[in-house]
């Protein structure tokens, strides 16, 4: 009788201590699967070429204004649409540094839909894993839509993994603007890296086929979301059940081992 009671007490003790071990293991598991937050990229730390003004850590504005006779046909004074006081950089030829050299690419990569004459860019170096997601908000402004001839299709771009990716262009700028002739709506963009590595990451705006009319880009809230966020495993799933059962078994075996040593 006493032996039976002792066995039942021992069984309850094993179960209780096994549960505590399981609970601890569960905390470790939950910690392992806790989501990793996105990393906000501080634009004040990026390199700039051309007309680029960083207003704060999460916002920058760029233009193609070279501070010459830009937008004179609109009656604008020199530099009226320039943000920083620095002229846009030349592409292909002209006074160095050239924009393509700053970006580490060939000038021909910027000839999207025409010849790239000038532009501005902001860049950084970033290390990523395959599948990491870049997210940001962008808005495009232009005076090309007010041109008597044209308009020429100036555009904004993202440089990632060595590729120039057009974000938007003059044809999308259909909204009347209070600061330029027209603008696009602000849009959230996402880019997933296909290969891990260290890359030049850049944003820029390009004056295509002519010099006279300014286009601009506003960039905000640039963030990198890592892929190393493990998916949570539901308890009802086979994998979740195996983990829980395995942890419980480990806990009981550990307790049994201690009880054997004690006896």
C-alpha atoms as a PDB file:
ATOM      1  CA  UNK A   1       0.000   0.000   0.000  1.00  0.00           C
ATOM      2  CA  UNK A   2       2.735   2.468   1.015  1.00  0.00           C
ATOM      3  CA  UNK A   3       4.778   1.389  -1.985  1.00  0.00           C
ATOM      4  CA  UNK A   4       1.819   2.143  -4.277  1.00  0.00           C
ATOM      5  CA  UNK A   5       1.308   5.592  -2.766  1.00  0.00           C
ATOM      6  CA  UNK A   6       4.990   6.305  -3.106  1.00  0.00           C
ATOM      7  CA  UNK A   7       4.919   5.276  -6.773  1.00  0.00           C
ATOM      8  CA  UNK A   8       1.918   7.509  -7.449  1.00  0.00           C
ATOM      9  CA  UNK A   9       3.628  10.445  -5.687  1.00  0.00           C
ATOM     10  CA  UNK A  10       6.793   9.791  -7.662  1.00  0.00           C
ATOM     11  CA  UNK A  11       4.764   9.696 -10.891  1.00  0.00           C
ATOM     12  CA  UNK A  12       3.093  13.011 -10.074  1.00  0.00           C
ATOM     13  CA  UNK A  13       6.464  14.505  -9.168  1.00  0.00           C
ATOM     14  CA  UNK A  14       7.949  13.331 -12.462  1.00  0.00           C
ATOM     15  CA  UNK A  15       5.011  14.729 -14.418  1.00  0.00           C
ATOM     16  CA  UNK A  16       5.197  18.072 -12.604  1.00  0.00           C
ATOM     17  CA  UNK A  17       8.917  18.431 -13.025  1.00  0.00           C
ATOM     18  CA  UNK A  18       8.640  17.274 -16.619  1.00  0.00           C
ATOM     19  CA  UNK A  19       6.063  20.006 -17.216  1.00  0.00           C
ATOM     20  CA  UNK A  20       8.392  22.594 -15.701  1.00  0.00           C
ATOM     21  CA  UNK A  21      11.225  21.435 -17.947  1.00  0.00           C
ATOM     22  CA  UNK A  22       8.825  21.546 -20.901  1.00  0.00           C
ATOM     23  CA  UNK A  23       7.709  25.038 -19.918  1.00  0.00           C
ATOM     24  CA  UNK A  24      11.312  26.212 -19.813  1.00  0.00           C
ATOM     25  CA  UNK A  25      11.991  24.574 -23.152  1.00  0.00           C
ATOM     26  CA  UNK A  26       8.877  26.210 -24.534  1.00  0.00           C
ATOM     27  CA  UNK A  27      10.165  29.615 -23.470  1.00  0.00           C
ATOM     28  CA  UNK A  28      13.412  28.892 -25.297  1.00  0.00           C
ATOM     29  CA  UNK A  29      11.482  27.806 -28.403  1.00  0.00           C
ATOM     30  CA  UNK A  30       9.313  30.921 -28.319  1.00  0.00           C
ATOM     31  CA  UNK A  31      12.410  33.085 -27.949  1.00  0.00           C
ATOM     32  CA  UNK A  32      13.945  31.379 -30.955  1.00  0.00           C
ATOM     33  CA  UNK A  33      10.922  32.085 -33.140  1.00  0.00           C
ATOM     34  CA  UNK A  34      10.377  35.672 -31.980  1.00  0.00           C
ATOM     35  CA  UNK A  35      10.223  37.930 -35.067  1.00  0.00           C
ATOM     36  CA  UNK A  36      13.206  40.106 -35.978  1.00  0.00           C
ATOM     37  CA  UNK A  37      12.252  43.729 -36.498  1.00  0.00           C
ATOM     38  CA  UNK A  38      13.008  45.653 -39.668  1.00  0.00           C
ATOM     39  CA  UNK A  39      16.161  47.769 -39.743  1.00  0.00           C
ATOM     40  CA  UNK A  40      15.510  51.414 -40.611  1.00  0.00           C
ATOM     41  CA  UNK A  41      18.306  52.746 -42.826  1.00  0.00           C
ATOM     42  CA  UNK A  42      19.607  56.169 -41.769  1.00  0.00           C
ATOM     43  CA  UNK A  43      19.853  58.321 -44.892  1.00  0.00           C
ATOM     44  CA  UNK A  44      22.120  60.832 -43.140  1.00  0.00           C
ATOM     45  CA  UNK A  45      24.891  58.210 -43.348  1.00  0.00           C
ATOM     46  CA  UNK A  46      24.600  57.713 -47.120  1.00  0.00           C
ATOM     47  CA  UNK A  47      26.907  59.216 -49.775  1.00  0.00           C
ATOM     48  CA  UNK A  48      25.491  61.813 -52.162  1.00  0.00           C
ATOM     49  CA  UNK A  49      26.261  63.081 -55.652  1.00  0.00           C
ATOM     50  CA  UNK A  50      24.442  65.874 -57.454  1.00  0.00           C
ATOM     51  CA  UNK A  51      21.440  67.701 -56.076  1.00  0.00           C
ATOM     52  CA  UNK A  52      20.590  65.640 -52.996  1.00  0.00           C
ATOM     53  CA  UNK A  53      19.263  66.971 -49.717  1.00  0.00           C
ATOM     54  CA  UNK A  54      18.719  64.732 -46.696  1.00  0.00           C
ATOM     55  CA  UNK A  55      16.137  66.426 -44.507  1.00  0.00           C
ATOM     56  CA  UNK A  56      16.220  63.860 -41.712  1.00  0.00           C
ATOM     57  CA  UNK A  57      17.258  60.254 -41.108  1.00  0.00           C
ATOM     58  CA  UNK A  58      14.290  58.861 -43.015  1.00  0.00           C
ATOM     59  CA  UNK A  59      13.726  61.404 -45.840  1.00  0.00           C
ATOM     60  CA  UNK A  60      15.745  62.653 -48.811  1.00  0.00           C
ATOM     61  CA  UNK A  61      14.956  64.631 -51.964  1.00  0.00           C
ATOM     62  CA  UNK A  62      16.906  64.576 -55.235  1.00  0.00           C
ATOM     63  CA  UNK A  63      16.598  66.514 -58.502  1.00  0.00           C
ATOM     64  CA  UNK A  64      18.108  66.851 -61.964  1.00  0.00           C
ATOM     65  CA  UNK A  65      18.523  70.639 -61.587  1.00  0.00           C
ATOM     66  CA  UNK A  66      22.031  71.648 -62.715  1.00  0.00           C
ATOM     67  CA  UNK A  67      21.638  75.295 -61.595  1.00  0.00           C
ATOM     68  CA  UNK A  68      22.059  76.621 -65.129  1.00  0.00           C
ATOM     69  CA  UNK A  69      19.151  77.519 -67.409  1.00  0.00           C
ATOM     70  CA  UNK A  70      16.969  74.689 -66.092  1.00  0.00           C
ATOM     71  CA  UNK A  71      13.257  75.509 -66.394  1.00  0.00           C
ATOM     72  CA  UNK A  72      13.948  78.968 -67.881  1.00  0.00           C
ATOM     73  CA  UNK A  73      11.167  78.343 -70.393  1.00  0.00           C
ATOM     74  CA  UNK A  74       8.798  78.255 -67.422  1.00  0.00           C
ATOM     75  CA  UNK A  75      10.036  81.637 -66.198  1.00  0.00           C
ATOM     76  CA  UNK A  76      11.866  80.044 -63.267  1.00  0.00           C
ATOM     77  CA  UNK A  77      15.004  81.623 -61.819  1.00  0.00           C
ATOM     78  CA  UNK A  78      18.265  79.656 -61.751  1.00  0.00           C
ATOM     79  CA  UNK A  79      18.168  76.974 -59.080  1.00  0.00           C
ATOM     80  CA  UNK A  80      14.443  77.396 -58.421  1.00  0.00           C
ATOM     81  CA  UNK A  81      13.939  73.608 -58.327  1.00  0.00           C
ATOM     82  CA  UNK A  82      17.292  72.723 -56.768  1.00  0.00           C
ATOM     83  CA  UNK A  83      17.142  71.305 -53.217  1.00  0.00           C
ATOM     84  CA  UNK A  84      20.757  71.370 -52.016  1.00  0.00           C
ATOM     85  CA  UNK A  85      22.636  74.094 -53.863  1.00  0.00           C
ATOM     86  CA  UNK A  86      24.699  71.447 -55.687  1.00  0.00           C
ATOM     87  CA  UNK A  87      24.226  70.887 -59.428  1.00  0.00           C
ATOM     88  CA  UNK A  88      23.115  67.556 -60.849  1.00  0.00           C
ATOM     89  CA  UNK A  89      25.980  65.303 -61.977  1.00  0.00           C
ATOM     90  CA  UNK A  90      26.835  64.637 -65.611  1.00  0.00           C
ATOM     91  CA  UNK A  91      26.477  61.187 -67.184  1.00  0.00           C
ATOM     92  CA  UNK A  92      28.789  59.758 -69.868  1.00  0.00           C
ATOM     93  CA  UNK A  93      30.866  62.921 -70.359  1.00  0.00           C
ATOM     94  CA  UNK A  94      31.404  66.235 -68.636  1.00  0.00           C
ATOM     95  CA  UNK A  95      32.948  67.373 -65.390  1.00  0.00           C
ATOM     96  CA  UNK A  96      33.699  64.461 -63.031  1.00  0.00           C
ATOM     97  CA  UNK A  97      32.690  62.827 -60.853  1.00  0.00           C
ATOM     98  CA  UNK A  98      30.254  61.267 -63.295  1.00  0.00           C
ATOM     99  CA  UNK A  99      27.106  59.681 -61.952  1.00  0.00           C
ATOM    100  CA  UNK A 100      27.865  56.230 -63.381  1.00  0.00           C
ATOM    101  CA  UNK A 101      31.283  56.182 -61.675  1.00  0.00           C
ATOM    102  CA  UNK A 102      29.704  57.165 -58.373  1.00  0.00           C
ATOM    103  CA  UNK A 103      27.263  54.260 -58.724  1.00  0.00           C
ATOM    104  CA  UNK A 104      29.880  51.789 -59.988  1.00  0.00           C
ATOM    105  CA  UNK A 105      27.975  50.925 -63.181  1.00  0.00           C
ATOM    106  CA  UNK A 106      28.184  51.550 -66.933  1.00  0.00           C
ATOM    107  CA  UNK A 107      26.598  54.751 -68.246  1.00  0.00           C
ATOM    108  CA  UNK A 108      24.561  52.680 -70.709  1.00  0.00           C
ATOM    109  CA  UNK A 109      22.670  51.120 -67.793  1.00  0.00           C
ATOM    110  CA  UNK A 110      21.088  54.525 -67.203  1.00  0.00           C
ATOM    111  CA  UNK A 111      19.917  54.875 -70.823  1.00  0.00           C
ATOM    112  CA  UNK A 112      16.416  53.565 -70.156  1.00  0.00           C
ATOM    113  CA  UNK A 113      14.131  54.790 -72.946  1.00  0.00           C
ATOM    114  CA  UNK A 114      16.616  57.389 -74.179  1.00  0.00           C
ATOM    115  CA  UNK A 115      20.024  58.893 -73.449  1.00  0.00           C
ATOM    116  CA  UNK A 116      20.733  59.800 -69.827  1.00  0.00           C
ATOM    117  CA  UNK A 117      22.183  63.338 -69.703  1.00  0.00           C
ATOM    118  CA  UNK A 118      22.426  64.144 -66.005  1.00  0.00           C
ATOM    119  CA  UNK A 119      21.095  63.103 -62.630  1.00  0.00           C
ATOM    120  CA  UNK A 120      21.570  62.797 -58.897  1.00  0.00           C
ATOM    121  CA  UNK A 121      21.842  59.833 -56.547  1.00  0.00           C
ATOM    122  CA  UNK A 122      22.258  58.795 -52.934  1.00  0.00           C
ATOM    123  CA  UNK A 123      23.942  55.494 -52.063  1.00  0.00           C
ATOM    124  CA  UNK A 124      25.167  53.185 -49.329  1.00  0.00           C
ATOM    125  CA  UNK A 125      26.780  49.753 -49.055  1.00  0.00           C
ATOM    126  CA  UNK A 126      24.600  47.019 -47.633  1.00  0.00           C
ATOM    127  CA  UNK A 127      25.038  43.332 -46.758  1.00  0.00           C
ATOM    128  CA  UNK A 128      21.965  41.182 -47.286  1.00  0.00           C
ATOM    129  CA  UNK A 129      20.796  37.583 -47.325  1.00  0.00           C
ATOM    130  CA  UNK A 130      18.791  35.983 -50.096  1.00  0.00           C
ATOM    131  CA  UNK A 131      15.148  37.007 -49.738  1.00  0.00           C
ATOM    132  CA  UNK A 132      15.756  40.080 -47.556  1.00  0.00           C
ATOM    133  CA  UNK A 133      13.143  42.709 -48.390  1.00  0.00           C
ATOM    134  CA  UNK A 134      13.802  46.388 -48.961  1.00  0.00           C
ATOM    135  CA  UNK A 135      10.797  48.635 -48.444  1.00  0.00           C
ATOM    136  CA  UNK A 136      10.425  52.402 -48.925  1.00  0.00           C
ATOM    137  CA  UNK A 137       8.070  55.172 -50.041  1.00  0.00           C
ATOM    138  CA  UNK A 138       8.765  57.184 -53.171  1.00  0.00           C
ATOM    139  CA  UNK A 139       7.183  60.111 -55.019  1.00  0.00           C
ATOM    140  CA  UNK A 140       8.185  61.610 -58.375  1.00  0.00           C
ATOM    141  CA  UNK A 141       7.868  65.241 -59.515  1.00  0.00           C
ATOM    142  CA  UNK A 142       8.535  66.782 -62.921  1.00  0.00           C
ATOM    143  CA  UNK A 143       8.372  69.901 -65.075  1.00  0.00           C
ATOM    144  CA  UNK A 144       8.689  67.873 -68.282  1.00  0.00           C
ATOM    145  CA  UNK A 145       4.906  67.816 -68.630  1.00  0.00           C
ATOM    146  CA  UNK A 146       4.974  71.605 -69.082  1.00  0.00           C
ATOM    147  CA  UNK A 147       7.530  71.475 -71.905  1.00  0.00           C
ATOM    148  CA  UNK A 148       6.549  72.823 -75.330  1.00  0.00           C
ATOM    149  CA  UNK A 149       8.536  70.008 -76.968  1.00  0.00           C
ATOM    150  CA  UNK A 150       8.389  66.519 -75.540  1.00  0.00           C
ATOM    151  CA  UNK A 151       7.944  65.645 -72.805  1.00  0.00           C
ATOM    152  CA  UNK A 152      11.045  63.492 -72.461  1.00  0.00           C
ATOM    153  CA  UNK A 153      10.619  60.575 -70.121  1.00  0.00           C
ATOM    154  CA  UNK A 154      12.784  61.407 -67.083  1.00  0.00           C
ATOM    155  CA  UNK A 155      12.655  58.675 -64.456  1.00  0.00           C
ATOM    156  CA  UNK A 156      13.511  57.631 -60.907  1.00  0.00           C
ATOM    157  CA  UNK A 157      15.407  54.450 -60.133  1.00  0.00           C
ATOM    158  CA  UNK A 158      16.622  52.001 -57.530  1.00  0.00           C
ATOM    159  CA  UNK A 159      20.060  50.402 -57.859  1.00  0.00           C
ATOM    160  CA  UNK A 160      20.210  46.962 -56.215  1.00  0.00           C
ATOM    161  CA  UNK A 161      22.313  43.868 -56.943  1.00  0.00           C
ATOM    162  CA  UNK A 162      24.058  45.819 -59.716  1.00  0.00           C
ATOM    163  CA  UNK A 163      20.777  46.408 -61.587  1.00  0.00           C
ATOM    164  CA  UNK A 164      19.149  49.751 -62.393  1.00  0.00           C
ATOM    165  CA  UNK A 165      15.437  49.305 -61.712  1.00  0.00           C
ATOM    166  CA  UNK A 166      13.061  52.001 -62.932  1.00  0.00           C
ATOM    167  CA  UNK A 167      10.610  53.021 -60.210  1.00  0.00           C
ATOM    168  CA  UNK A 168       8.490  55.527 -62.119  1.00  0.00           C
ATOM    169  CA  UNK A 169       8.719  58.161 -64.849  1.00  0.00           C
ATOM    170  CA  UNK A 170       7.140  61.243 -66.412  1.00  0.00           C
ATOM    171  CA  UNK A 171       4.255  59.289 -67.935  1.00  0.00           C
ATOM    172  CA  UNK A 172       3.032  58.397 -64.432  1.00  0.00           C
ATOM    173  CA  UNK A 173       3.107  62.022 -63.221  1.00  0.00           C
ATOM    174  CA  UNK A 174      -0.518  62.889 -63.924  1.00  0.00           C
ATOM    175  CA  UNK A 175      -1.378  64.791 -60.739  1.00  0.00           C
ATOM    176  CA  UNK A 176      -1.120  68.624 -60.718  1.00  0.00           C
ATOM    177  CA  UNK A 177       1.626  69.658 -58.295  1.00  0.00           C
ATOM    178  CA  UNK A 178       2.011  72.687 -56.055  1.00  0.00           C
ATOM    179  CA  UNK A 179       5.808  72.618 -56.399  1.00  0.00           C
ATOM    180  CA  UNK A 180       6.406  71.232 -59.924  1.00  0.00           C
ATOM    181  CA  UNK A 181       4.234  71.000 -63.032  1.00  0.00           C
ATOM    182  CA  UNK A 182       2.993  67.540 -62.064  1.00  0.00           C
ATOM    183  CA  UNK A 183       3.668  64.640 -59.729  1.00  0.00           C
ATOM    184  CA  UNK A 184       2.811  61.045 -58.955  1.00  0.00           C
ATOM    185  CA  UNK A 185       1.072  59.837 -55.835  1.00  0.00           C
ATOM    186  CA  UNK A 186       3.422  58.602 -53.145  1.00  0.00           C
ATOM    187  CA  UNK A 187       3.815  54.837 -53.437  1.00  0.00           C
ATOM    188  CA  UNK A 188       5.230  52.079 -51.237  1.00  0.00           C
ATOM    189  CA  UNK A 189       7.822  49.959 -53.040  1.00  0.00           C
ATOM    190  CA  UNK A 190       9.211  46.548 -52.096  1.00  0.00           C
ATOM    191  CA  UNK A 191      12.288  44.803 -53.459  1.00  0.00           C
ATOM    192  CA  UNK A 192      13.391  41.265 -52.541  1.00  0.00           C
ATOM    193  CA  UNK A 193      17.080  40.454 -52.896  1.00  0.00           C
ATOM    194  CA  UNK A 194      17.574  37.313 -54.986  1.00  0.00           C
ATOM    195  CA  UNK A 195      21.172  36.642 -53.940  1.00  0.00           C
ATOM    196  CA  UNK A 196      22.934  37.263 -50.651  1.00  0.00           C
ATOM    197  CA  UNK A 197      26.014  39.467 -50.637  1.00  0.00           C
ATOM    198  CA  UNK A 198      27.331  42.994 -50.230  1.00  0.00           C
ATOM    199  CA  UNK A 199      25.966  45.534 -52.702  1.00  0.00           C
ATOM    200  CA  UNK A 200      25.741  49.211 -53.523  1.00  0.00           C
ATOM    201  CA  UNK A 201      22.191  50.305 -52.768  1.00  0.00           C
ATOM    202  CA  UNK A 202      21.163  53.607 -54.347  1.00  0.00           C
ATOM    203  CA  UNK A 203      18.242  55.811 -55.312  1.00  0.00           C
ATOM    204  CA  UNK A 204      18.429  58.319 -58.132  1.00  0.00           C
ATOM    205  CA  UNK A 205      16.658  60.524 -60.647  1.00  0.00           C
ATOM    206  CA  UNK A 206      17.661  60.904 -64.302  1.00  0.00           C
ATOM    207  CA  UNK A 207      17.223  63.687 -66.874  1.00  0.00           C
ATOM    208  CA  UNK A 208      16.612  61.883 -70.151  1.00  0.00           C
ATOM    209  CA  UNK A 209      17.418  63.226 -73.642  1.00  0.00           C
ATOM    210  CA  UNK A 210      17.570  66.920 -72.669  1.00  0.00           C
ATOM    211  CA  UNK A 211      18.689  69.354 -69.953  1.00  0.00           C
ATOM    212  CA  UNK A 212      16.065  72.120 -69.732  1.00  0.00           C
ATOM    213  CA  UNK A 213      13.383  70.684 -67.444  1.00  0.00           C
ATOM    214  CA  UNK A 214      13.824  69.412 -63.899  1.00  0.00           C
ATOM    215  CA  UNK A 215      12.497  66.184 -62.431  1.00  0.00           C
ATOM    216  CA  UNK A 216      12.794  65.142 -58.798  1.00  0.00           C
ATOM    217  CA  UNK A 217      12.406  62.210 -56.426  1.00  0.00           C
ATOM    218  CA  UNK A 218      11.401  62.084 -52.768  1.00  0.00           C
ATOM    219  CA  UNK A 219      12.395  58.981 -50.778  1.00  0.00           C
ATOM    220  CA  UNK A 220      11.129  58.139 -47.288  1.00  0.00           C
ATOM    221  CA  UNK A 221      11.260  55.379 -44.681  1.00  0.00           C
ATOM    222  CA  UNK A 222      13.852  53.062 -46.199  1.00  0.00           C
ATOM    223  CA  UNK A 223      13.895  49.789 -44.254  1.00  0.00           C
ATOM    224  CA  UNK A 224      15.413  46.328 -44.636  1.00  0.00           C
ATOM    225  CA  UNK A 225      13.396  43.360 -43.392  1.00  0.00           C
ATOM    226  CA  UNK A 226      15.608  40.276 -42.859  1.00  0.00           C
ATOM    227  CA  UNK A 227      14.505  36.807 -43.933  1.00  0.00           C
ATOM    228  CA  UNK A 228      15.835  35.079 -40.809  1.00  0.00           C
ATOM    229  CA  UNK A 229      12.433  35.311 -39.140  1.00  0.00           C
ATOM    230  CA  UNK A 230      11.478  31.669 -38.405  1.00  0.00           C
ATOM    231  CA  UNK A 231       7.852  30.802 -38.934  1.00  0.00           C
ATOM    232  CA  UNK A 232       5.880  30.000 -35.795  1.00  0.00           C
ATOM    233  CA  UNK A 233       4.990  26.326 -35.460  1.00  0.00           C
ATOM    234  CA  UNK A 234       1.384  25.651 -34.372  1.00  0.00           C
ATOM    235  CA  UNK A 235       0.974  23.164 -31.551  1.00  0.00           C
ATOM    236  CA  UNK A 236      -1.548  21.271 -33.683  1.00  0.00           C
ATOM    237  CA  UNK A 237       0.975  20.694 -36.471  1.00  0.00           C
ATOM    238  CA  UNK A 238       2.957  17.419 -36.633  1.00  0.00           C
ATOM    239  CA  UNK A 239       6.214  19.333 -36.157  1.00  0.00           C
ATOM    240  CA  UNK A 240       4.834  21.274 -33.209  1.00  0.00           C
ATOM    241  CA  UNK A 241       3.553  18.061 -31.624  1.00  0.00           C
ATOM    242  CA  UNK A 242       6.915  16.362 -32.048  1.00  0.00           C
ATOM    243  CA  UNK A 243       8.716  19.304 -30.445  1.00  0.00           C
ATOM    244  CA  UNK A 244       6.371  19.368 -27.459  1.00  0.00           C
ATOM    245  CA  UNK A 245       6.383  15.579 -27.081  1.00  0.00           C
ATOM    246  CA  UNK A 246      10.159  15.487 -27.415  1.00  0.00           C
ATOM    247  CA  UNK A 247      10.663  18.224 -24.826  1.00  0.00           C
ATOM    248  CA  UNK A 248       8.255  16.482 -22.447  1.00  0.00           C
ATOM    249  CA  UNK A 249      10.076  13.191 -22.921  1.00  0.00           C
ATOM    250  CA  UNK A 250      13.431  14.822 -22.317  1.00  0.00           C
ATOM    251  CA  UNK A 251      12.093  16.425 -19.154  1.00  0.00           C
ATOM    252  CA  UNK A 252      10.743  13.124 -17.771  1.00  0.00           C
ATOM    253  CA  UNK A 253      13.943  11.257 -18.620  1.00  0.00           C
ATOM    254  CA  UNK A 254      16.018  13.907 -16.874  1.00  0.00           C
ATOM    255  CA  UNK A 255      13.837  13.700 -13.766  1.00  0.00           C
ATOM    256  CA  UNK A 256      13.838   9.879 -13.784  1.00  0.00           C
ATOM    257  CA  UNK A 257      17.595   9.909 -14.050  1.00  0.00           C
ATOM    258  CA  UNK A 258      17.850  12.187 -11.012  1.00  0.00           C
ATOM    259  CA  UNK A 259      15.385  10.017  -9.040  1.00  0.00           C
ATOM    260  CA  UNK A 260      17.401   6.891  -9.849  1.00  0.00           C
ATOM    261  CA  UNK A 261      20.571   8.536  -8.640  1.00  0.00           C
ATOM    262  CA  UNK A 262      18.815   9.644  -5.453  1.00  0.00           C
ATOM    263  CA  UNK A 263      17.568   6.097  -4.732  1.00  0.00           C
END
